[in-house]
Amino acid sequence: MNIKRSLFLTVGSVSLSLGVIGIVIPVLPTTPFILISAFCFANSSKRAEKWLLSNKYFRIYIENYRNKTGIPKSLKIQSISFLWIMLILSMLITRNILIAIVLVIVGICVTIHLYIMKTKIE
């Protein structure tokens, strides 16, 4: 295995891990990390790329970006709802005003990002 391939596989694996963590921790964005993983796996391991593209949880992120079809409205609503529930829980647990301000700013930015993304007709 050459260095370039190893590097892409490592970055793809780390990125995928961060994307998975981002599913439950709203400060980490899931989609960009999954897309980075797809790119890295495409350049390093066809087996890993095939697994990622066939995974029922991650496939939709990649397909929506590759096909430029957008995100289903129901997924936007679920994502924004889950985002704010997790942000509010994080604020309640930490009880730190600075962290709360950062979380609100992140929440607003992610909400705007999801809102302006193309909505897929279901």
PDB file of N, CA and C in Angstrom:
ATOM      1  N   MET A   1       0.868  -1.177   0.000  1.00  0.00           N
ATOM      2  CA  MET A   1       0.000   0.000   0.000  1.00  0.00           C
ATOM      3  C   MET A   1       0.913   1.237   0.000  1.00  0.00           C
ATOM      4  N   ASN A   2       0.695   2.145  -0.945  1.00  0.00           N
ATOM      5  CA  ASN A   2       1.566   3.308  -0.995  1.00  0.00           C
ATOM      6  C   ASN A   2       1.140   4.381   0.005  1.00  0.00           C
ATOM      7  N   ILE A   3       1.992   5.379   0.172  1.00  0.00           N
ATOM      8  CA  ILE A   3       1.773   6.410   1.197  1.00  0.00           C
ATOM      9  C   ILE A   3       0.506   7.218   0.913  1.00  0.00           C
ATOM     10  N   LYS A   4       0.300   7.585  -0.352  1.00  0.00           N
ATOM     11  CA  LYS A   4      -0.878   8.388  -0.714  1.00  0.00           C
ATOM     12  C   LYS A   4      -2.166   7.641  -0.368  1.00  0.00           C
ATOM     13  N   ARG A   5      -2.207   6.383  -0.708  1.00  0.00           N
ATOM     14  CA  ARG A   5      -3.390   5.564  -0.432  1.00  0.00           C
ATOM     15  C   ARG A   5      -3.612   5.413   1.072  1.00  0.00           C
ATOM     16  N   SER A   6      -2.547   5.196   1.804  1.00  0.00           N
ATOM     17  CA  SER A   6      -2.641   5.078   3.267  1.00  0.00           C
ATOM     18  C   SER A   6      -3.132   6.370   3.891  1.00  0.00           C
ATOM     19  N   LEU A   7      -2.632   7.496   3.387  1.00  0.00           N
ATOM     20  CA  LEU A   7      -3.036   8.791   3.905  1.00  0.00           C
ATOM     21  C   LEU A   7      -4.533   9.032   3.665  1.00  0.00           C
ATOM     22  N   PHE A   8      -4.988   8.749   2.439  1.00  0.00           N
ATOM     23  CA  PHE A   8      -6.414   8.917   2.135  1.00  0.00           C
ATOM     24  C   PHE A   8      -7.283   7.997   2.997  1.00  0.00           C
ATOM     25  N   LEU A   9      -6.847   6.776   3.196  1.00  0.00           N
ATOM     26  CA  LEU A   9      -7.612   5.828   4.001  1.00  0.00           C
ATOM     27  C   LEU A   9      -7.673   6.294   5.459  1.00  0.00           C
ATOM     28  N   THR A  10      -6.573   6.810   5.972  1.00  0.00           N
ATOM     29  CA  THR A  10      -6.536   7.307   7.348  1.00  0.00           C
ATOM     30  C   THR A  10      -7.428   8.531   7.516  1.00  0.00           C
ATOM     31  N   VAL A  11      -7.288   9.492   6.613  1.00  0.00           N
ATOM     32  CA  VAL A  11      -8.112  10.709   6.684  1.00  0.00           C
ATOM     33  C   VAL A  11      -9.592  10.345   6.528  1.00  0.00           C
ATOM     34  N   GLY A  12      -9.891   9.428   5.621  1.00  0.00           N
ATOM     35  CA  GLY A  12     -11.276   8.988   5.435  1.00  0.00           C
ATOM     36  C   GLY A  12     -11.847   8.334   6.679  1.00  0.00           C
ATOM     37  N   SER A  13     -11.052   7.516   7.330  1.00  0.00           N
ATOM     38  CA  SER A  13     -11.509   6.836   8.550  1.00  0.00           C
ATOM     39  C   SER A  13     -11.722   7.817   9.693  1.00  0.00           C
ATOM     40  N   VAL A  14     -10.780   8.754   9.865  1.00  0.00           N
ATOM     41  CA  VAL A  14     -10.925   9.770  10.917  1.00  0.00           C
ATOM     42  C   VAL A  14     -12.139  10.648  10.628  1.00  0.00           C
ATOM     43  N   SER A  15     -12.289  11.032   9.378  1.00  0.00           N
ATOM     44  CA  SER A  15     -13.422  11.870   8.989  1.00  0.00           C
ATOM     45  C   SER A  15     -14.753  11.155   9.228  1.00  0.00           C
ATOM     46  N   LEU A  16     -14.800   9.883   8.896  1.00  0.00           N
ATOM     47  CA  LEU A  16     -16.012   9.101   9.133  1.00  0.00           C
ATOM     48  C   LEU A  16     -16.316   9.031  10.627  1.00  0.00           C
ATOM     49  N   SER A  17     -15.285   8.835  11.432  1.00  0.00           N
ATOM     50  CA  SER A  17     -15.476   8.798  12.890  1.00  0.00           C
ATOM     51  C   SER A  17     -16.041  10.120  13.395  1.00  0.00           C
ATOM     52  N   LEU A  18     -15.497  11.230  12.916  1.00  0.00           N
ATOM     53  CA  LEU A  18     -16.000  12.545  13.325  1.00  0.00           C
ATOM     54  C   LEU A  18     -17.446  12.750  12.850  1.00  0.00           C
ATOM     55  N   GLY A  19     -17.760  12.257  11.654  1.00  0.00           N
ATOM     56  CA  GLY A  19     -19.128  12.348  11.157  1.00  0.00           C
ATOM     57  C   GLY A  19     -20.111  11.572  12.009  1.00  0.00           C
ATOM     58  N   VAL A  20     -19.701  10.398  12.453  1.00  0.00           N
ATOM     59  CA  VAL A  20     -20.546   9.585  13.333  1.00  0.00           C
ATOM     60  C   VAL A  20     -20.746  10.297  14.669  1.00  0.00           C
ATOM     61  N   ILE A  21     -19.667  10.854  15.213  1.00  0.00           N
ATOM     62  CA  ILE A  21     -19.784  11.613  16.464  1.00  0.00           C
ATOM     63  C   ILE A  21     -20.692  12.822  16.256  1.00  0.00           C
ATOM     64  N   GLY A  22     -20.608  13.432  15.077  1.00  0.00           N
ATOM     65  CA  GLY A  22     -21.437  14.598  14.753  1.00  0.00           C
ATOM     66  C   GLY A  22     -22.925  14.306  14.713  1.00  0.00           C
ATOM     67  N   ILE A  23     -23.290  13.054  14.582  1.00  0.00           N
ATOM     68  CA  ILE A  23     -24.710  12.698  14.591  1.00  0.00           C
ATOM     69  C   ILE A  23     -25.321  13.011  15.950  1.00  0.00           C
ATOM     70  N   VAL A  24     -24.553  12.803  17.013  1.00  0.00           N
ATOM     71  CA  VAL A  24     -25.090  13.038  18.350  1.00  0.00           C
ATOM     72  C   VAL A  24     -24.566  14.295  19.034  1.00  0.00           C
ATOM     73  N   ILE A  25     -23.470  14.839  18.528  1.00  0.00           N
ATOM     74  CA  ILE A  25     -22.927  16.082  19.082  1.00  0.00           C
ATOM     75  C   ILE A  25     -23.111  17.181  18.043  1.00  0.00           C
ATOM     76  N   PRO A  26     -24.050  18.082  18.271  1.00  0.00           N
ATOM     77  CA  PRO A  26     -24.417  19.053  17.246  1.00  0.00           C
ATOM     78  C   PRO A  26     -23.335  20.046  16.853  1.00  0.00           C
ATOM     79  N   VAL A  27     -22.274  20.172  17.617  1.00  0.00           N
ATOM     80  CA  VAL A  27     -21.220  21.116  17.256  1.00  0.00           C
ATOM     81  C   VAL A  27     -20.412  20.590  16.070  1.00  0.00           C
ATOM     82  N   LEU A  28     -20.355  19.272  15.914  1.00  0.00           N
ATOM     83  CA  LEU A  28     -19.648  18.672  14.780  1.00  0.00           C
ATOM     84  C   LEU A  28     -20.632  18.443  13.631  1.00  0.00           C
ATOM     85  N   PRO A  29     -20.335  18.977  12.462  1.00  0.00           N
ATOM     86  CA  PRO A  29     -21.236  18.765  11.330  1.00  0.00           C
ATOM     87  C   PRO A  29     -21.043  17.368  10.725  1.00  0.00           C
ATOM     88  N   THR A  30     -22.103  16.643  10.536  1.00  0.00           N
ATOM     89  CA  THR A  30     -22.016  15.281  10.019  1.00  0.00           C
ATOM     90  C   THR A  30     -21.715  15.243   8.526  1.00  0.00           C
ATOM     91  N   THR A  31     -22.496  15.970   7.747  1.00  0.00           N
ATOM     92  CA  THR A  31     -22.424  15.868   6.287  1.00  0.00           C
ATOM     93  C   THR A  31     -21.037  16.133   5.713  1.00  0.00           C
ATOM     94  N   PRO A  32     -20.368  17.223   6.069  1.00  0.00           N
ATOM     95  CA  PRO A  32     -19.043  17.446   5.469  1.00  0.00           C
ATOM     96  C   PRO A  32     -18.056  16.320   5.761  1.00  0.00           C
ATOM     97  N   PHE A  33     -18.111  15.772   6.969  1.00  0.00           N
ATOM     98  CA  PHE A  33     -17.200  14.686   7.306  1.00  0.00           C
ATOM     99  C   PHE A  33     -17.518  13.419   6.512  1.00  0.00           C
ATOM    100  N   ILE A  34     -18.783  13.146   6.291  1.00  0.00           N
ATOM    101  CA  ILE A  34     -19.166  11.971   5.496  1.00  0.00           C
ATOM    102  C   ILE A  34     -18.727  12.159   4.046  1.00  0.00           C
ATOM    103  N   LEU A  35     -18.887  13.379   3.524  1.00  0.00           N
ATOM    104  CA  LEU A  35     -18.469  13.659   2.147  1.00  0.00           C
ATOM    105  C   LEU A  35     -16.955  13.564   1.988  1.00  0.00           C
ATOM    106  N   ILE A  36     -16.215  14.036   2.978  1.00  0.00           N
ATOM    107  CA  ILE A  36     -14.754  13.905   2.954  1.00  0.00           C
ATOM    108  C   ILE A  36     -14.374  12.425   2.966  1.00  0.00           C
ATOM    109  N   SER A  37     -15.067  11.650   3.780  1.00  0.00           N
ATOM    110  CA  SER A  37     -14.807  10.202   3.836  1.00  0.00           C
ATOM    111  C   SER A  37     -15.047   9.562   2.476  1.00  0.00           C
ATOM    112  N   ALA A  38     -16.143   9.926   1.834  1.00  0.00           N
ATOM    113  CA  ALA A  38     -16.454   9.352   0.518  1.00  0.00           C
ATOM    114  C   ALA A  38     -15.348   9.679  -0.483  1.00  0.00           C
ATOM    115  N   PHE A  39     -14.888  10.919  -0.478  1.00  0.00           N
ATOM    116  CA  PHE A  39     -13.807  11.325  -1.376  1.00  0.00           C
ATOM    117  C   PHE A  39     -12.528  10.542  -1.079  1.00  0.00           C
ATOM    118  N   CYS A  40     -12.173  10.471   0.186  1.00  0.00           N
ATOM    119  CA  CYS A  40     -10.945   9.769   0.576  1.00  0.00           C
ATOM    120  C   CYS A  40     -11.013   8.280   0.268  1.00  0.00           C
ATOM    121  N   PHE A  41     -12.140   7.660   0.553  1.00  0.00           N
ATOM    122  CA  PHE A  41     -12.282   6.236   0.275  1.00  0.00           C
ATOM    123  C   PHE A  41     -12.266   5.963  -1.231  1.00  0.00           C
ATOM    124  N   ALA A  42     -12.826   6.882  -2.021  1.00  0.00           N
ATOM    125  CA  ALA A  42     -12.809   6.719  -3.481  1.00  0.00           C
ATOM    126  C   ALA A  42     -11.367   6.731  -4.005  1.00  0.00           C
ATOM    127  N   ASN A  43     -10.486   7.418  -3.283  1.00  0.00           N
ATOM    128  CA  ASN A  43      -9.093   7.508  -3.702  1.00  0.00           C
ATOM    129  C   ASN A  43      -8.162   6.541  -2.977  1.00  0.00           C
ATOM    130  N   SER A  44      -8.729   5.676  -2.143  1.00  0.00           N
ATOM    131  CA  SER A  44      -7.853   4.776  -1.401  1.00  0.00           C
ATOM    132  C   SER A  44      -8.329   3.330  -1.365  1.00  0.00           C
ATOM    133  N   SER A  45      -9.616   3.129  -1.164  1.00  0.00           N
ATOM    134  CA  SER A  45     -10.114   1.768  -0.963  1.00  0.00           C
ATOM    135  C   SER A  45     -11.508   1.619  -1.571  1.00  0.00           C
ATOM    136  N   LYS A  46     -11.582   0.895  -2.651  1.00  0.00           N
ATOM    137  CA  LYS A  46     -12.883   0.666  -3.295  1.00  0.00           C
ATOM    138  C   LYS A  46     -13.820  -0.104  -2.352  1.00  0.00           C
ATOM    139  N   ARG A  47     -13.245  -0.956  -1.540  1.00  0.00           N
ATOM    140  CA  ARG A  47     -14.050  -1.726  -0.577  1.00  0.00           C
ATOM    141  C   ARG A  47     -14.689  -0.798   0.460  1.00  0.00           C
ATOM    142  N   ALA A  48     -13.893   0.135   0.997  1.00  0.00           N
ATOM    143  CA  ALA A  48     -14.426   1.093   1.978  1.00  0.00           C
ATOM    144  C   ALA A  48     -15.443   2.020   1.318  1.00  0.00           C
ATOM    145  N   GLU A  49     -15.153   2.447   0.089  1.00  0.00           N
ATOM    146  CA  GLU A  49     -16.099   3.310  -0.633  1.00  0.00           C
ATOM    147  C   GLU A  49     -17.424   2.580  -0.868  1.00  0.00           C
ATOM    148  N   LYS A  50     -17.342   1.326  -1.289  1.00  0.00           N
ATOM    149  CA  LYS A  50     -18.543   0.530  -1.531  1.00  0.00           C
ATOM    150  C   LYS A  50     -19.356   0.373  -0.248  1.00  0.00           C
ATOM    151  N   TRP A  51     -18.661   0.115   0.873  1.00  0.00           N
ATOM    152  CA  TRP A  51     -19.354  -0.015   2.158  1.00  0.00           C
ATOM    153  C   TRP A  51     -20.066   1.277   2.515  1.00  0.00           C
ATOM    154  N   LEU A  52     -19.377   2.408   2.368  1.00  0.00           N
ATOM    155  CA  LEU A  52     -19.957   3.706   2.715  1.00  0.00           C
ATOM    156  C   LEU A  52     -21.171   4.010   1.838  1.00  0.00           C
ATOM    157  N   LEU A  53     -21.067   3.730   0.536  1.00  0.00           N
ATOM    158  CA  LEU A  53     -22.171   4.008  -0.385  1.00  0.00           C
ATOM    159  C   LEU A  53     -23.351   3.057  -0.202  1.00  0.00           C
ATOM    160  N   SER A  54     -23.112   1.900   0.406  1.00  0.00           N
ATOM    161  CA  SER A  54     -24.211   0.960   0.627  1.00  0.00           C
ATOM    162  C   SER A  54     -24.771   1.054   2.053  1.00  0.00           C
ATOM    163  N   ASN A  55     -24.137   1.851   2.892  1.00  0.00           N
ATOM    164  CA  ASN A  55     -24.588   2.001   4.277  1.00  0.00           C
ATOM    165  C   ASN A  55     -25.891   2.786   4.311  1.00  0.00           C
ATOM    166  N   LYS A  56     -26.903   2.259   4.965  1.00  0.00           N
ATOM    167  CA  LYS A  56     -28.221   2.896   4.959  1.00  0.00           C
ATOM    168  C   LYS A  56     -28.237   4.246   5.658  1.00  0.00           C
ATOM    169  N   TYR A  57     -27.295   4.498   6.553  1.00  0.00           N
ATOM    170  CA  TYR A  57     -27.264   5.773   7.274  1.00  0.00           C
ATOM    171  C   TYR A  57     -26.504   6.857   6.511  1.00  0.00           C
ATOM    172  N   PHE A  58     -25.429   6.490   5.845  1.00  0.00           N
ATOM    173  CA  PHE A  58     -24.569   7.482   5.201  1.00  0.00           C
ATOM    174  C   PHE A  58     -24.845   7.662   3.718  1.00  0.00           C
ATOM    175  N   ARG A  59     -25.433   6.675   3.076  1.00  0.00           N
ATOM    176  CA  ARG A  59     -25.680   6.727   1.638  1.00  0.00           C
ATOM    177  C   ARG A  59     -26.465   7.975   1.234  1.00  0.00           C
ATOM    178  N   ILE A  60     -27.490   8.325   2.012  1.00  0.00           N
ATOM    179  CA  ILE A  60     -28.345   9.455   1.649  1.00  0.00           C
ATOM    180  C   ILE A  60     -27.564  10.772   1.626  1.00  0.00           C
ATOM    181  N   TYR A  61     -26.611  10.952   2.559  1.00  0.00           N
ATOM    182  CA  TYR A  61     -25.798  12.174   2.566  1.00  0.00           C
ATOM    183  C   TYR A  61     -25.029  12.316   1.251  1.00  0.00           C
ATOM    184  N   ILE A  62     -24.419  11.221   0.841  1.00  0.00           N
ATOM    185  CA  ILE A  62     -23.571  11.234  -0.349  1.00  0.00           C
ATOM    186  C   ILE A  62     -24.402  11.364  -1.611  1.00  0.00           C
ATOM    187  N   GLU A  63     -25.482  10.605  -1.722  1.00  0.00           N
ATOM    188  CA  GLU A  63     -26.340  10.654  -2.907  1.00  0.00           C
ATOM    189  C   GLU A  63     -26.932  12.036  -3.122  1.00  0.00           C
ATOM    190  N   ASN A  64     -27.412  12.664  -2.065  1.00  0.00           N
ATOM    191  CA  ASN A  64     -28.017  13.989  -2.202  1.00  0.00           C
ATOM    192  C   ASN A  64     -27.019  15.016  -2.720  1.00  0.00           C
ATOM    193  N   TYR A  65     -25.774  14.921  -2.320  1.00  0.00           N
ATOM    194  CA  TYR A  65     -24.755  15.857  -2.801  1.00  0.00           C
ATOM    195  C   TYR A  65     -24.295  15.510  -4.205  1.00  0.00           C
ATOM    196  N   ARG A  66     -24.062  14.244  -4.466  1.00  0.00           N
ATOM    197  CA  ARG A  66     -23.580  13.846  -5.804  1.00  0.00           C
ATOM    198  C   ARG A  66     -24.623  14.120  -6.885  1.00  0.00           C
ATOM    199  N   ASN A  67     -25.868  13.841  -6.587  1.00  0.00           N
ATOM    200  CA  ASN A  67     -26.939  14.025  -7.572  1.00  0.00           C
ATOM    201  C   ASN A  67     -27.514  15.433  -7.572  1.00  0.00           C
ATOM    202  N   LYS A  68     -27.098  16.242  -6.598  1.00  0.00           N
ATOM    203  CA  LYS A  68     -27.616  17.603  -6.443  1.00  0.00           C
ATOM    204  C   LYS A  68     -29.154  17.628  -6.394  1.00  0.00           C
ATOM    205  N   THR A  69     -29.711  16.616  -5.740  1.00  0.00           N
ATOM    206  CA  THR A  69     -31.170  16.525  -5.644  1.00  0.00           C
ATOM    207  C   THR A  69     -31.715  17.223  -4.413  1.00  0.00           C
ATOM    208  N   GLY A  70     -30.856  17.541  -3.480  1.00  0.00           N
ATOM    209  CA  GLY A  70     -31.308  18.223  -2.274  1.00  0.00           C
ATOM    210  C   GLY A  70     -31.634  17.254  -1.149  1.00  0.00           C
ATOM    211  N   ILE A  71     -32.139  17.831  -0.065  1.00  0.00           N
ATOM    212  CA  ILE A  71     -32.483  17.059   1.125  1.00  0.00           C
ATOM    213  C   ILE A  71     -34.000  17.023   1.262  1.00  0.00           C
ATOM    214  N   PRO A  72     -34.572  15.843   1.531  1.00  0.00           N
ATOM    215  CA  PRO A  72     -36.016  15.787   1.741  1.00  0.00           C
ATOM    216  C   PRO A  72     -36.445  16.714   2.884  1.00  0.00           C
ATOM    217  N   LYS A  73     -37.615  17.314   2.736  1.00  0.00           N
ATOM    218  CA  LYS A  73     -38.122  18.250   3.745  1.00  0.00           C
ATOM    219  C   LYS A  73     -38.217  17.590   5.118  1.00  0.00           C
ATOM    220  N   SER A  74     -38.667  16.350   5.143  1.00  0.00           N
ATOM    221  CA  SER A  74     -38.802  15.649   6.421  1.00  0.00           C
ATOM    222  C   SER A  74     -37.445  15.495   7.110  1.00  0.00           C
ATOM    223  N   LEU A  75     -36.390  15.242   6.330  1.00  0.00           N
ATOM    224  CA  LEU A  75     -35.051  15.106   6.905  1.00  0.00           C
ATOM    225  C   LEU A  75     -34.543  16.453   7.418  1.00  0.00           C
ATOM    226  N   LYS A  76     -34.869  17.530   6.714  1.00  0.00           N
ATOM    227  CA  LYS A  76     -34.492  18.867   7.188  1.00  0.00           C
ATOM    228  C   LYS A  76     -35.144  19.150   8.539  1.00  0.00           C
ATOM    229  N   ILE A  77     -36.428  18.864   8.643  1.00  0.00           N
ATOM    230  CA  ILE A  77     -37.160  19.114   9.889  1.00  0.00           C
ATOM    231  C   ILE A  77     -36.590  18.261  11.020  1.00  0.00           C
ATOM    232  N   GLN A  78     -36.335  16.979  10.738  1.00  0.00           N
ATOM    233  CA  GLN A  78     -35.758  16.093  11.754  1.00  0.00           C
ATOM    234  C   GLN A  78     -34.378  16.579  12.183  1.00  0.00           C
ATOM    235  N   SER A  79     -33.565  16.970  11.222  1.00  0.00           N
ATOM    236  CA  SER A  79     -32.199  17.412  11.525  1.00  0.00           C
ATOM    237  C   SER A  79     -32.198  18.671  12.376  1.00  0.00           C
ATOM    238  N   ILE A  80     -33.006  19.643  11.993  1.00  0.00           N
ATOM    239  CA  ILE A  80     -33.057  20.897  12.744  1.00  0.00           C
ATOM    240  C   ILE A  80     -33.627  20.657  14.145  1.00  0.00           C
ATOM    241  N   SER A  81     -34.652  19.826  14.237  1.00  0.00           N
ATOM    242  CA  SER A  81     -35.241  19.524  15.551  1.00  0.00           C
ATOM    243  C   SER A  81     -34.233  18.833  16.453  1.00  0.00           C
ATOM    244  N   PHE A  82     -33.564  17.809  15.932  1.00  0.00           N
ATOM    245  CA  PHE A  82     -32.577  17.076  16.711  1.00  0.00           C
ATOM    246  C   PHE A  82     -31.419  17.986  17.104  1.00  0.00           C
ATOM    247  N   LEU A  83     -30.989  18.833  16.174  1.00  0.00           N
ATOM    248  CA  LEU A  83     -29.917  19.783  16.448  1.00  0.00           C
ATOM    249  C   LEU A  83     -30.241  20.636  17.666  1.00  0.00           C
ATOM    250  N   TRP A  84     -31.443  21.246  17.666  1.00  0.00           N
ATOM    251  CA  TRP A  84     -31.795  22.156  18.755  1.00  0.00           C
ATOM    252  C   TRP A  84     -32.054  21.423  20.067  1.00  0.00           C
ATOM    253  N   ILE A  85     -32.587  20.226  20.007  1.00  0.00           N
ATOM    254  CA  ILE A  85     -32.771  19.425  21.232  1.00  0.00           C
ATOM    255  C   ILE A  85     -31.410  19.143  21.866  1.00  0.00           C
ATOM    256  N   MET A  86     -30.441  18.712  21.047  1.00  0.00           N
ATOM    257  CA  MET A  86     -29.109  18.403  21.572  1.00  0.00           C
ATOM    258  C   MET A  86     -28.392  19.661  22.052  1.00  0.00           C
ATOM    259  N   LEU A  87     -28.574  20.773  21.347  1.00  0.00           N
ATOM    260  CA  LEU A  87     -27.948  22.020  21.785  1.00  0.00           C
ATOM    261  C   LEU A  87     -28.497  22.475  23.134  1.00  0.00           C
ATOM    262  N   ILE A  88     -29.801  22.410  23.275  1.00  0.00           N
ATOM    263  CA  ILE A  88     -30.429  22.826  24.532  1.00  0.00           C
ATOM    264  C   ILE A  88     -29.998  21.908  25.675  1.00  0.00           C
ATOM    265  N   LEU A  89     -29.954  20.607  25.415  1.00  0.00           N
ATOM    266  CA  LEU A  89     -29.469  19.675  26.444  1.00  0.00           C
ATOM    267  C   LEU A  89     -28.016  19.984  26.827  1.00  0.00           C
ATOM    268  N   SER A  90     -27.195  20.270  25.834  1.00  0.00           N
ATOM    269  CA  SER A  90     -25.797  20.610  26.106  1.00  0.00           C
ATOM    270  C   SER A  90     -25.702  21.865  26.956  1.00  0.00           C
ATOM    271  N   MET A  91     -26.552  22.862  26.650  1.00  0.00           N
ATOM    272  CA  MET A  91     -26.550  24.104  27.427  1.00  0.00           C
ATOM    273  C   MET A  91     -26.983  23.854  28.871  1.00  0.00           C
ATOM    274  N   LEU A  92     -27.977  23.009  29.034  1.00  0.00           N
ATOM    275  CA  LEU A  92     -28.461  22.704  30.387  1.00  0.00           C
ATOM    276  C   LEU A  92     -27.428  21.936  31.196  1.00  0.00           C
ATOM    277  N   ILE A  93     -26.706  21.048  30.531  1.00  0.00           N
ATOM    278  CA  ILE A  93     -25.699  20.249  31.228  1.00  0.00           C
ATOM    279  C   ILE A  93     -24.493  21.107  31.613  1.00  0.00           C
ATOM    280  N   THR A  94     -24.026  21.938  30.698  1.00  0.00           N
ATOM    281  CA  THR A  94     -22.822  22.725  30.978  1.00  0.00           C
ATOM    282  C   THR A  94     -23.079  23.925  31.873  1.00  0.00           C
ATOM    283  N   ARG A  95     -24.243  24.557  31.723  1.00  0.00           N
ATOM    284  CA  ARG A  95     -24.601  25.742  32.514  1.00  0.00           C
ATOM    285  C   ARG A  95     -23.503  26.808  32.487  1.00  0.00           C
ATOM    286  N   ASN A  96     -22.957  27.011  31.288  1.00  0.00           N
ATOM    287  CA  ASN A  96     -21.909  28.008  31.096  1.00  0.00           C
ATOM    288  C   ASN A  96     -22.382  28.977  30.017  1.00  0.00           C
ATOM    289  N   ILE A  97     -22.442  30.253  30.336  1.00  0.00           N
ATOM    290  CA  ILE A  97     -22.999  31.237  29.408  1.00  0.00           C
ATOM    291  C   ILE A  97     -22.182  31.341  28.126  1.00  0.00           C
ATOM    292  N   LEU A  98     -20.863  31.260  28.227  1.00  0.00           N
ATOM    293  CA  LEU A  98     -20.019  31.344  27.037  1.00  0.00           C
ATOM    294  C   LEU A  98     -20.267  30.159  26.106  1.00  0.00           C
ATOM    295  N   ILE A  99     -20.328  28.974  26.685  1.00  0.00           N
ATOM    296  CA  ILE A  99     -20.621  27.774  25.881  1.00  0.00           C
ATOM    297  C   ILE A  99     -22.013  27.883  25.274  1.00  0.00           C
ATOM    298  N   ALA A 100     -22.980  28.385  26.032  1.00  0.00           N
ATOM    299  CA  ALA A 100     -24.349  28.550  25.525  1.00  0.00           C
ATOM    300  C   ALA A 100     -24.370  29.503  24.332  1.00  0.00           C
ATOM    301  N   ILE A 101     -23.627  30.585  24.421  1.00  0.00           N
ATOM    302  CA  ILE A 101     -23.574  31.540  23.308  1.00  0.00           C
ATOM    303  C   ILE A 101     -22.978  30.899  22.063  1.00  0.00           C
ATOM    304  N   VAL A 102     -21.891  30.158  22.238  1.00  0.00           N
ATOM    305  CA  VAL A 102     -21.262  29.467  21.108  1.00  0.00           C
ATOM    306  C   VAL A 102     -22.227  28.453  20.496  1.00  0.00           C
ATOM    307  N   LEU A 103     -22.912  27.693  21.345  1.00  0.00           N
ATOM    308  CA  LEU A 103     -23.858  26.693  20.845  1.00  0.00           C
ATOM    309  C   LEU A 103     -25.017  27.340  20.091  1.00  0.00           C
ATOM    310  N   VAL A 104     -25.512  28.457  20.565  1.00  0.00           N
ATOM    311  CA  VAL A 104     -26.597  29.158  19.867  1.00  0.00           C
ATOM    312  C   VAL A 104     -26.114  29.652  18.505  1.00  0.00           C
ATOM    313  N   ILE A 105     -24.904  30.189  18.456  1.00  0.00           N
ATOM    314  CA  ILE A 105     -24.352  30.663  17.172  1.00  0.00           C
ATOM    315  C   ILE A 105     -24.189  29.491  16.206  1.00  0.00           C
ATOM    316  N   VAL A 106     -23.642  28.387  16.688  1.00  0.00           N
ATOM    317  CA  VAL A 106     -23.501  27.184  15.846  1.00  0.00           C
ATOM    318  C   VAL A 106     -24.875  26.716  15.381  1.00  0.00           C
ATOM    319  N   GLY A 107     -25.836  26.668  16.287  1.00  0.00           N
ATOM    320  CA  GLY A 107     -27.189  26.237  15.936  1.00  0.00           C
ATOM    321  C   GLY A 107     -27.822  27.113  14.874  1.00  0.00           C
ATOM    322  N   ILE A 108     -27.666  28.415  15.003  1.00  0.00           N
ATOM    323  CA  ILE A 108     -28.227  29.339  14.006  1.00  0.00           C
ATOM    324  C   ILE A 108     -27.562  29.123  12.648  1.00  0.00           C
ATOM    325  N   CYS A 109     -26.235  28.993  12.640  1.00  0.00           N
ATOM    326  CA  CYS A 109     -25.517  28.791  11.378  1.00  0.00           C
ATOM    327  C   CYS A 109     -25.911  27.477  10.695  1.00  0.00           C
ATOM    328  N   VAL A 110     -25.984  26.398  11.463  1.00  0.00           N
ATOM    329  CA  VAL A 110     -26.363  25.105  10.883  1.00  0.00           C
ATOM    330  C   VAL A 110     -27.814  25.135  10.407  1.00  0.00           C
ATOM    331  N   THR A 111     -28.687  25.773  11.167  1.00  0.00           N
ATOM    332  CA  THR A 111     -30.085  25.880  10.763  1.00  0.00           C
ATOM    333  C   THR A 111     -30.209  26.653   9.451  1.00  0.00           C
ATOM    334  N   ILE A 112     -29.493  27.756   9.336  1.00  0.00           N
ATOM    335  CA  ILE A 112     -29.514  28.541   8.093  1.00  0.00           C
ATOM    336  C   ILE A 112     -28.974  27.706   6.939  1.00  0.00           C
ATOM    337  N   HIS A 113     -27.869  27.001   7.191  1.00  0.00           N
ATOM    338  CA  HIS A 113     -27.280  26.151   6.147  1.00  0.00           C
ATOM    339  C   HIS A 113     -28.280  25.099   5.659  1.00  0.00           C
ATOM    340  N   LEU A 114     -28.933  24.434   6.589  1.00  0.00           N
ATOM    341  CA  LEU A 114     -29.923  23.423   6.197  1.00  0.00           C
ATOM    342  C   LEU A 114     -31.116  24.045   5.487  1.00  0.00           C
ATOM    343  N   TYR A 115     -31.534  25.213   5.941  1.00  0.00           N
ATOM    344  CA  TYR A 115     -32.692  25.875   5.358  1.00  0.00           C
ATOM    345  C   TYR A 115     -32.433  26.275   3.907  1.00  0.00           C
ATOM    346  N   ILE A 116     -31.232  26.796   3.625  1.00  0.00           N
ATOM    347  CA  ILE A 116     -30.967  27.276   2.260  1.00  0.00           C
ATOM    348  C   ILE A 116     -30.595  26.164   1.283  1.00  0.00           C
ATOM    349  N   MET A 117     -30.310  24.976   1.813  1.00  0.00           N
ATOM    350  CA  MET A 117     -30.022  23.853   0.912  1.00  0.00           C
ATOM    351  C   MET A 117     -31.285  23.485   0.128  1.00  0.00           C
ATOM    352  N   LYS A 118     -31.070  23.036  -1.079  1.00  0.00           N
ATOM    353  CA  LYS A 118     -32.173  22.642  -1.935  1.00  0.00           C
ATOM    354  C   LYS A 118     -33.028  21.571  -1.256  1.00  0.00           C
ATOM    355  N   THR A 119     -34.340  21.751  -1.335  1.00  0.00           N
ATOM    356  CA  THR A 119     -35.261  20.774  -0.749  1.00  0.00           C
ATOM    357  C   THR A 119     -35.701  19.802  -1.828  1.00  0.00           C
ATOM    358  N   LYS A 120     -35.534  18.527  -1.523  1.00  0.00           N
ATOM    359  CA  LYS A 120     -35.896  17.449  -2.443  1.00  0.00           C
ATOM    360  C   LYS A 120     -37.395  17.203  -2.357  1.00  0.00           C
ATOM    361  N   ILE A 121     -38.044  17.150  -3.504  1.00  0.00           N
ATOM    362  CA  ILE A 121     -39.474  16.826  -3.561  1.00  0.00           C
ATOM    363  C   ILE A 121     -39.616  15.325  -3.320  1.00  0.00           C
ATOM    364  N   GLU A 122     -40.401  14.978  -2.316  1.00  0.00           N
ATOM    365  CA  GLU A 122     -40.566  13.546  -1.964  1.00  0.00           C
ATOM    366  C   GLU A 122     -41.708  12.930  -2.724  1.00  0.00           C
TER     367      GLU A 122
END
